[in-house]
Amino acid sequence: MCGIIGIVRRPSDRTPPSSQEILGAVEAATAGLDVASPPSVAAAAAALGKVNELLLGVPGVTSLLTHPGLVAEIAARLEPIQTELATREAEALAAGATIDEHLNAARVQLKDMLWAILRDRLAVPAGVLALSGPAPAPAAIAAMTSIYDALAALDRLEVRGRDSVGLHLLVSDHGCDLDDPALARALADRSRDDSFGNTSVRRLGDVVSFVYKEAAEIGELGDNTDALRRAIAADDLLSALLANAQAQVLVLGHTRWASVGIISEANASPINSEAVDRDQDPYFVAVLNGDVDNYADLAAAASLEFSPSITTDVKVIPTLVADAVMRGADPHEAFRGSAAAFEGSVAIGLCGAAEPGVLRLAQRGSGQAIYVGFAEDTYIVASEPYGVVELTPNYLRLDGESPVDP
């Protein structure tokens, strides 16, 4: 079980749509709609698909944030259609009437588009502002959109395991002077936890690694991710680094069903590559679904020692990769070779400070899955399709069973 989410986003080259463009598309989709006519309903669904595309990604979020009343206006135009569909279907069901097959198929498409716009697209601006505070800079909008999307996916993935959750941010191109006394002091204060617990930070040259974690044996679905949202929203250091227009953020998250290692913040993924007496190793962060059955043997063979509070098998993944890179391997081969040495069924995500825009993935065996979604300017990685489909219907599933070289 467990759940993986990763988001890699590049700067968008699409101009944020104007409010007139968006409302014009809404009007084109809804004008003259007859919910009893299959062609009319199908045409409205297709037209709303274009509205959904306009509102997707950073350009869509930027437009909705720039025009504060736009969310309410779109909702006011679309919610009556959603209500009318529900009323018509309830009336038909009460009367024992059957719905034409073509009409039903068209209504399903229309309801899907209404849900995507009303529940998914229109919810993002408020979620971004809750994380960033008012008037976020362009880089903060992009970063918080990625973070919002990752947390929303973790909310859905929690059914795979909810005893702990974590979100890692690799921040680069922030343009800040990290030697400024105030920033240097904040970085130092948050670098003291050798277990890489909640709100820990690591400075790697000009790249900064942030992690947010929550672990709880009891509670309700959503409690853990809500704790992460509060921690991110309160993080002034993160806000300072995202004030530069060029700042970039790679997001890697995980929700856990503990198998190896107790339920604790220290054992919650993502886990970094730090090991005892190995301060100069290259820096990596990893998440794992499944189990590395031979993790203790691999750690012993590489003479790796960890903080005693960390007892999860995940720890061996980034530390082995870092060890291989330190010994001369390039990161790709270090990751490939390490993954090939793991016994068990695994799905892995890994990022590193030397390549802050690169997310590496590995899968072995049939017990785990990784899906890679292709959205505008964005890759979305998740261990289930429902971690991807809120942002794109276009994705592939990694094949962890066929060997690259038979």
Protein backbone atom coordinates (compact mmCIF):
# COMPACT_ATOMS: atom_id res chain seq x y z
CA MET A 1 0.00 0.00 0.00
CA CYS A 2 1.23 3.58 0.73
CA GLY A 3 0.94 6.41 -1.79
CA ILE A 4 3.44 8.41 -3.82
CA ILE A 5 2.93 11.83 -5.38
CA GLY A 6 5.43 13.92 -7.32
CA ILE A 7 5.05 17.11 -9.33
CA VAL A 8 7.65 18.58 -11.68
CA ARG A 9 6.61 21.85 -13.28
CA ARG A 10 8.35 24.14 -15.73
CA PRO A 11 7.46 27.83 -16.22
CA SER A 12 4.38 28.15 -18.39
CA ASP A 13 4.56 29.96 -21.73
CA ARG A 14 0.75 30.39 -21.92
CA THR A 15 -0.68 33.81 -21.18
CA PRO A 16 -3.28 33.67 -18.40
CA PRO A 17 -6.72 33.86 -20.00
CA SER A 18 -8.75 37.02 -19.52
CA SER A 19 -12.01 37.00 -17.60
CA GLN A 20 -13.80 37.84 -20.86
CA GLU A 21 -12.24 34.84 -22.58
CA ILE A 22 -13.24 32.50 -19.75
CA LEU A 23 -16.79 33.82 -19.38
CA GLY A 24 -17.21 33.81 -23.14
CA ALA A 25 -16.28 30.14 -23.20
CA VAL A 26 -18.73 29.44 -20.37
CA GLU A 27 -21.48 31.29 -22.25
CA ALA A 28 -20.73 29.35 -25.44
CA ALA A 29 -21.01 26.10 -23.50
CA THR A 30 -24.27 26.88 -21.71
CA ALA A 31 -26.29 29.06 -24.10
CA GLY A 32 -29.34 27.23 -25.36
CA LEU A 33 -28.51 24.03 -23.47
CA ASP A 34 -31.32 21.48 -23.55
CA VAL A 35 -30.57 18.80 -20.97
CA ALA A 36 -33.10 16.48 -22.67
CA SER A 37 -31.26 16.57 -26.01
CA PRO A 38 -28.26 14.25 -26.44
CA PRO A 39 -26.56 16.45 -29.11
CA SER A 40 -27.07 19.60 -27.01
CA VAL A 41 -25.72 17.97 -23.86
CA ALA A 42 -22.74 16.47 -25.70
CA ALA A 43 -21.91 19.83 -27.27
CA ALA A 44 -22.08 21.54 -23.87
CA ALA A 45 -19.78 18.92 -22.35
CA ALA A 46 -17.23 19.41 -25.13
CA ALA A 47 -17.40 23.19 -24.78
CA LEU A 48 -16.95 22.98 -21.00
CA GLY A 49 -13.88 20.86 -21.67
CA LYS A 50 -12.34 23.95 -23.24
CA VAL A 51 -13.29 26.01 -20.18
CA ASN A 52 -11.57 23.41 -18.03
CA GLU A 53 -8.44 23.68 -20.18
CA LEU A 54 -8.40 27.47 -19.80
CA LEU A 55 -8.55 27.14 -16.00
CA LEU A 56 -5.91 24.43 -15.70
CA GLY A 57 -2.39 24.97 -14.45
CA VAL A 58 -0.64 28.13 -13.35
CA PRO A 59 -2.15 30.34 -16.10
CA GLY A 60 -5.67 29.37 -15.03
CA VAL A 61 -4.93 29.85 -11.34
CA THR A 62 -3.27 33.21 -12.04
CA SER A 63 -6.32 34.40 -13.94
CA LEU A 64 -8.72 33.34 -11.18
CA LEU A 65 -6.54 35.07 -8.57
CA THR A 66 -6.29 38.23 -10.68
CA HIS A 67 -10.06 38.48 -11.01
CA PRO A 68 -11.43 37.67 -7.52
CA GLY A 69 -15.10 37.68 -8.54
CA LEU A 70 -14.55 35.28 -11.42
CA VAL A 71 -14.86 32.12 -9.33
CA ALA A 72 -18.28 33.14 -8.03
CA GLU A 73 -19.46 34.19 -11.49
CA ILE A 74 -18.47 30.90 -13.10
CA ALA A 75 -20.11 28.97 -10.26
CA ALA A 76 -23.29 31.03 -10.58
CA ARG A 77 -23.57 30.07 -14.25
CA LEU A 78 -22.74 26.39 -13.89
CA GLU A 79 -24.31 25.31 -10.60
CA PRO A 80 -27.91 25.68 -11.92
CA ILE A 81 -27.06 23.24 -14.72
CA GLN A 82 -25.72 20.76 -12.18
CA THR A 83 -28.91 21.17 -10.14
CA GLU A 84 -31.16 20.76 -13.19
CA LEU A 85 -29.41 17.55 -14.20
CA ALA A 86 -29.81 16.10 -10.71
CA THR A 87 -33.50 17.13 -10.61
CA ARG A 88 -34.29 15.63 -14.04
CA GLU A 89 -32.61 12.35 -13.15
CA ALA A 90 -34.36 12.16 -9.77
CA GLU A 91 -37.72 12.78 -11.41
CA ALA A 92 -37.09 10.10 -14.03
CA LEU A 93 -36.05 7.63 -11.35
CA ALA A 94 -39.14 8.40 -9.24
CA ALA A 95 -41.38 7.91 -12.28
CA GLY A 96 -39.70 4.65 -13.19
CA ALA A 97 -38.75 6.05 -16.59
CA THR A 98 -35.69 4.92 -18.50
CA ILE A 99 -33.16 7.41 -19.84
CA ASP A 100 -32.06 7.13 -23.45
CA GLU A 101 -28.62 5.51 -23.69
CA HIS A 102 -27.16 8.34 -25.76
CA LEU A 103 -28.64 10.98 -23.46
CA ASN A 104 -27.27 9.21 -20.39
CA ALA A 105 -23.77 8.99 -21.91
CA ALA A 106 -23.82 12.68 -22.81
CA ARG A 107 -25.04 13.64 -19.33
CA VAL A 108 -22.24 11.65 -17.73
CA GLN A 109 -19.71 13.62 -19.79
CA LEU A 110 -21.37 16.90 -18.87
CA LYS A 111 -21.47 16.03 -15.17
CA ASP A 112 -17.78 15.10 -15.30
CA MET A 113 -16.92 18.50 -16.78
CA LEU A 114 -19.10 20.34 -14.27
CA TRP A 115 -17.42 18.46 -11.43
CA ALA A 116 -13.93 19.19 -12.81
CA ILE A 117 -14.62 22.91 -13.05
CA LEU A 118 -16.73 23.48 -9.93
CA ARG A 119 -14.92 21.10 -7.56
CA ASP A 120 -11.38 21.03 -8.93
CA ARG A 121 -10.49 24.17 -10.90
CA LEU A 122 -12.45 26.70 -8.85
CA ALA A 123 -11.12 25.35 -5.54
CA VAL A 124 -7.46 25.93 -6.38
CA PRO A 125 -7.20 29.74 -5.95
CA ALA A 126 -8.51 29.67 -2.37
CA GLY A 127 -6.21 26.73 -1.61
CA VAL A 128 -3.21 28.58 -3.04
CA LEU A 129 -3.99 31.72 -1.04
CA ALA A 130 -4.39 29.65 2.13
CA LEU A 131 -0.86 28.36 1.61
CA SER A 132 0.83 31.50 0.35
CA GLY A 133 -1.01 34.36 2.01
CA PRO A 134 -2.43 37.34 0.09
CA ALA A 135 -0.87 38.73 -3.10
CA PRO A 136 1.60 35.89 -3.83
CA ALA A 137 4.46 36.51 -6.26
CA PRO A 138 4.34 34.65 -9.61
CA ALA A 139 6.84 32.04 -8.40
CA ALA A 140 4.81 31.54 -5.25
CA ILE A 141 1.66 31.00 -7.31
CA ALA A 142 3.42 28.31 -9.35
CA ALA A 143 4.99 26.68 -6.31
CA MET A 144 1.84 26.76 -4.21
CA THR A 145 -0.17 25.41 -7.13
CA SER A 146 2.17 22.41 -7.22
CA ILE A 147 1.95 22.05 -3.45
CA TYR A 148 -1.85 22.38 -3.48
CA ASP A 149 -2.11 19.77 -6.24
CA ALA A 150 0.21 17.40 -4.35
CA LEU A 151 -1.74 17.75 -1.11
CA ALA A 152 -5.05 17.25 -2.92
CA ALA A 153 -3.63 14.06 -4.43
CA LEU A 154 -2.39 12.91 -1.02
CA ASP A 155 -5.91 13.45 0.33
CA ARG A 156 -7.15 10.94 -2.24
CA LEU A 157 -4.20 8.58 -1.80
CA GLU A 158 -4.62 8.40 2.00
CA VAL A 159 -6.94 5.43 1.53
CA ARG A 160 -3.72 3.52 0.74
CA GLY A 161 -2.28 4.39 4.16
CA ARG A 162 -2.69 7.28 6.55
CA ASP A 163 -0.55 6.65 9.61
CA SER A 164 1.91 9.32 8.45
CA VAL A 165 2.35 11.72 5.57
CA GLY A 166 5.18 13.87 4.28
CA LEU A 167 5.88 16.47 1.62
CA HIS A 168 9.35 17.45 0.42
CA LEU A 169 10.15 20.63 -1.53
CA LEU A 170 13.39 21.14 -3.40
CA VAL A 171 13.66 24.90 -3.99
CA SER A 172 16.10 26.27 -6.57
CA ASP A 173 16.69 29.49 -8.55
CA HIS A 174 15.27 31.50 -5.66
CA GLY A 175 17.76 34.34 -6.05
CA CYS A 176 18.16 34.81 -2.30
CA ASP A 177 21.45 35.43 -0.53
CA LEU A 178 21.46 32.46 1.81
CA ASP A 179 24.39 33.99 3.68
CA ASP A 180 22.25 36.93 4.76
CA PRO A 181 22.35 36.77 8.58
CA ALA A 182 18.58 36.36 9.04
CA LEU A 183 18.28 33.64 6.39
CA ALA A 184 21.47 31.91 7.53
CA ARG A 185 20.21 31.82 11.11
CA ALA A 186 16.82 30.42 10.06
CA LEU A 187 18.51 27.76 7.94
CA ALA A 188 20.85 26.79 10.75
CA ASP A 189 18.06 26.62 13.34
CA ARG A 190 16.04 24.25 11.18
CA SER A 191 18.99 22.05 10.16
CA ARG A 192 19.65 20.59 13.61
CA ASP A 193 17.21 17.64 13.51
CA ASP A 194 19.25 14.66 12.29
CA SER A 195 16.04 12.64 11.83
CA PHE A 196 14.80 15.12 9.17
CA GLY A 197 11.54 15.64 11.01
CA ASN A 198 8.72 18.11 10.42
CA THR A 199 9.80 21.57 9.07
CA SER A 200 13.44 20.46 8.79
CA VAL A 201 15.57 22.27 6.24
CA ARG A 202 18.86 21.52 4.53
CA ARG A 203 21.00 23.94 2.55
CA LEU A 204 22.85 22.37 -0.40
CA GLY A 205 24.78 25.22 -2.01
CA ASP A 206 22.05 27.46 -3.38
CA VAL A 207 19.40 24.73 -3.29
CA VAL A 208 17.22 24.34 -0.20
CA SER A 209 15.46 21.16 0.91
CA PHE A 210 12.27 21.58 2.98
CA VAL A 211 10.28 18.74 4.52
CA TYR A 212 6.92 18.72 6.30
CA LYS A 213 5.71 15.60 8.13
CA GLU A 214 2.91 14.40 10.35
CA ALA A 215 2.55 11.01 12.03
CA ALA A 216 -0.54 9.84 13.92
CA GLU A 217 -1.75 6.33 14.71
CA ILE A 218 -5.34 7.51 15.11
CA GLY A 219 -7.42 10.19 13.45
CA GLU A 220 -9.51 10.80 10.37
CA LEU A 221 -8.63 10.95 6.71
CA GLY A 222 -7.40 14.45 5.95
CA ASP A 223 -6.06 15.25 9.42
CA ASN A 224 -2.44 14.64 8.43
CA THR A 225 -2.55 16.68 5.23
CA ASP A 226 -4.29 19.51 7.07
CA ALA A 227 -1.35 19.59 9.48
CA LEU A 228 1.02 19.89 6.51
CA ARG A 229 -1.04 22.75 5.07
CA ARG A 230 -0.80 24.66 8.34
CA ALA A 231 2.97 24.14 8.57
CA ILE A 232 3.55 25.29 4.99
CA ALA A 233 1.30 28.33 5.36
CA ALA A 234 3.21 29.40 8.49
CA ASP A 235 6.69 28.97 6.93
CA ASP A 236 8.22 32.43 6.51
CA LEU A 237 11.51 30.99 5.25
CA LEU A 238 9.75 29.24 2.38
CA SER A 239 7.83 32.42 1.58
CA ALA A 240 11.08 34.39 1.43
CA LEU A 241 12.61 31.97 -1.06
CA LEU A 242 9.53 32.02 -3.27
CA ALA A 243 9.43 35.81 -3.54
CA ASN A 244 11.80 35.72 -6.54
CA ALA A 245 9.99 35.41 -9.88
CA GLN A 246 12.38 32.68 -11.11
CA ALA A 247 12.13 30.33 -8.11
CA GLN A 248 11.41 26.70 -8.94
CA VAL A 249 10.02 23.92 -6.71
CA LEU A 250 10.03 20.16 -7.20
CA VAL A 251 7.49 18.40 -4.98
CA LEU A 252 7.76 14.81 -3.73
CA GLY A 253 5.24 13.44 -1.23
CA HIS A 254 4.15 10.21 0.42
CA THR A 255 1.40 8.82 2.62
CA ARG A 256 2.41 5.75 4.62
CA TRP A 257 1.06 2.46 5.80
CA ALA A 258 3.88 1.41 8.13
CA SER A 259 5.41 -1.98 7.45
CA VAL A 260 9.12 -1.62 8.31
CA GLY A 261 9.76 0.77 11.20
CA ILE A 262 7.41 2.24 13.78
CA ILE A 263 4.92 5.02 13.08
CA SER A 264 6.89 8.21 13.73
CA GLU A 265 7.91 11.48 12.13
CA ALA A 266 11.43 10.18 11.67
CA ASN A 267 10.17 7.17 9.72
CA ALA A 268 7.69 9.16 7.63
CA SER A 269 8.73 9.64 4.03
CA PRO A 270 10.26 11.50 2.28
CA ILE A 271 13.59 10.43 3.75
CA ASN A 272 16.94 12.05 2.96
CA SER A 273 20.38 10.54 2.34
CA GLU A 274 22.18 11.75 5.45
CA ALA A 275 24.15 9.09 7.28
CA VAL A 276 26.35 9.13 10.38
CA ASP A 277 29.83 10.57 9.68
CA ARG A 278 29.01 11.10 5.98
CA ASP A 279 28.35 14.85 5.88
CA GLN A 280 29.92 15.44 2.47
CA ASP A 281 27.93 12.86 0.50
CA PRO A 282 25.74 14.03 -2.39
CA TYR A 283 22.21 14.82 -1.24
CA PHE A 284 19.13 12.84 -2.26
CA VAL A 285 15.57 12.39 -0.99
CA ALA A 286 13.39 9.33 -1.63
CA VAL A 287 9.95 7.81 -1.12
CA LEU A 288 9.01 4.13 -1.29
CA ASN A 289 5.95 2.00 -1.78
CA GLY A 290 6.56 -1.63 -0.91
CA ASP A 291 9.43 -3.10 1.06
CA VAL A 292 13.18 -3.37 0.51
CA ASP A 293 13.55 -6.81 2.07
CA ASN A 294 17.36 -6.76 2.13
CA TYR A 295 17.78 -3.19 3.36
CA ALA A 296 19.80 -4.15 6.44
CA ASP A 297 22.25 -6.24 4.41
CA LEU A 298 22.70 -3.45 1.86
CA ALA A 299 23.33 -0.85 4.57
CA ALA A 300 25.87 -3.10 6.28
CA ALA A 301 27.68 -3.88 3.03
CA ALA A 302 28.06 -0.15 2.33
CA SER A 303 29.03 0.60 5.97
CA LEU A 304 26.09 2.97 6.36
CA GLU A 305 24.91 4.04 9.81
CA PHE A 306 21.79 6.11 10.45
CA SER A 307 20.24 8.15 13.21
CA PRO A 308 18.84 5.62 15.72
CA SER A 309 15.39 7.23 15.46
CA ILE A 310 15.14 6.14 11.79
CA THR A 311 14.25 2.46 11.46
CA THR A 312 12.45 2.38 8.10
CA ASP A 313 13.82 0.56 5.06
CA VAL A 314 13.29 3.70 2.97
CA LYS A 315 16.47 5.17 4.47
CA VAL A 316 18.70 2.81 2.53
CA ILE A 317 17.46 4.12 -0.85
CA PRO A 318 18.82 7.69 -0.92
CA THR A 319 21.89 6.76 1.13
CA LEU A 320 22.91 3.99 -1.28
CA VAL A 321 22.44 6.30 -4.25
CA ALA A 322 24.50 9.02 -2.53
CA ASP A 323 27.19 6.46 -1.67
CA ALA A 324 27.41 5.31 -5.30
CA VAL A 325 27.63 8.88 -6.59
CA MET A 326 30.36 9.67 -4.06
CA ARG A 327 32.27 6.67 -5.39
CA GLY A 328 32.12 8.00 -8.94
CA ALA A 329 28.85 6.81 -10.49
CA ASP A 330 26.63 9.30 -12.29
CA PRO A 331 23.24 9.80 -10.61
CA HIS A 332 21.30 7.82 -13.22
CA GLU A 333 23.51 4.75 -12.93
CA ALA A 334 23.70 5.11 -9.16
CA PHE A 335 19.91 5.03 -8.96
CA ARG A 336 19.51 2.24 -11.49
CA GLY A 337 22.13 0.10 -9.80
CA SER A 338 20.72 0.70 -6.32
CA ALA A 339 17.17 -0.14 -7.42
CA ALA A 340 18.41 -3.30 -9.11
CA ALA A 341 19.93 -4.42 -5.79
CA PHE A 342 16.67 -4.14 -3.86
CA GLU A 343 14.83 -7.36 -3.10
CA GLY A 344 11.05 -7.08 -2.96
CA SER A 345 8.29 -5.34 -4.86
CA VAL A 346 9.01 -1.61 -4.90
CA ALA A 347 7.98 1.72 -6.41
CA ILE A 348 10.43 4.55 -5.76
CA GLY A 349 10.68 8.29 -6.37
CA LEU A 350 13.98 10.09 -5.88
CA CYS A 351 15.26 13.65 -6.35
CA GLY A 352 18.64 15.23 -5.66
CA ALA A 353 20.10 18.65 -4.94
CA ALA A 354 22.55 18.50 -7.85
CA GLU A 355 19.65 18.19 -10.32
CA PRO A 356 16.78 20.07 -8.64
CA GLY A 357 14.50 19.77 -11.67
CA VAL A 358 14.83 16.00 -12.07
CA LEU A 359 12.58 13.36 -10.51
CA ARG A 360 13.74 9.77 -10.97
CA LEU A 361 11.37 6.80 -10.77
CA ALA A 362 11.86 3.07 -10.41
CA GLN A 363 9.46 0.16 -10.19
CA ARG A 364 10.04 -3.54 -9.76
CA GLY A 365 7.49 -6.33 -9.49
CA SER A 366 3.74 -6.43 -9.93
CA GLY A 367 2.78 -5.43 -6.39
CA GLN A 368 3.33 -1.68 -6.89
CA ALA A 369 2.47 0.89 -9.53
CA ILE A 370 3.62 4.28 -10.76
CA TYR A 371 1.57 6.46 -13.10
CA VAL A 372 3.04 9.47 -14.90
CA GLY A 373 0.53 12.09 -15.97
CA PHE A 374 1.18 14.60 -18.74
CA ALA A 375 -0.44 17.99 -18.10
CA GLU A 376 0.36 21.42 -19.48
CA ASP A 377 3.93 22.29 -18.42
CA THR A 378 3.74 19.59 -15.74
CA TYR A 379 4.50 15.96 -14.96
CA ILE A 380 2.34 14.44 -12.22
CA VAL A 381 3.53 11.18 -10.68
CA ALA A 382 1.26 9.05 -8.49
CA SER A 383 0.91 5.47 -7.35
CA GLU A 384 -2.75 5.37 -8.45
CA PRO A 385 -4.62 6.89 -11.42
CA TYR A 386 -6.83 8.85 -9.02
CA GLY A 387 -3.73 10.75 -7.94
CA VAL A 388 -3.33 11.98 -11.53
CA VAL A 389 -6.74 12.40 -13.15
CA GLU A 390 -7.72 15.62 -11.36
CA LEU A 391 -5.07 17.35 -13.49
CA THR A 392 -4.97 15.30 -16.69
CA PRO A 393 -6.64 12.32 -18.38
CA ASN A 394 -3.36 11.59 -20.18
CA TYR A 395 -0.99 9.28 -18.33
CA LEU A 396 1.05 6.11 -18.65
CA ARG A 397 1.67 3.28 -16.24
CA LEU A 398 5.24 2.17 -15.68
CA ASP A 399 5.87 -1.47 -16.40
CA GLY A 400 7.89 -2.90 -13.54
CA GLU A 401 7.81 -6.50 -14.74
CA SER A 402 9.52 -6.52 -18.15
CA PRO A 403 13.31 -6.31 -17.87
CA VAL A 404 14.98 -3.51 -19.85
CA ASP A 405 17.46 -6.08 -21.18
CA PRO A 406 15.78 -9.53 -21.32
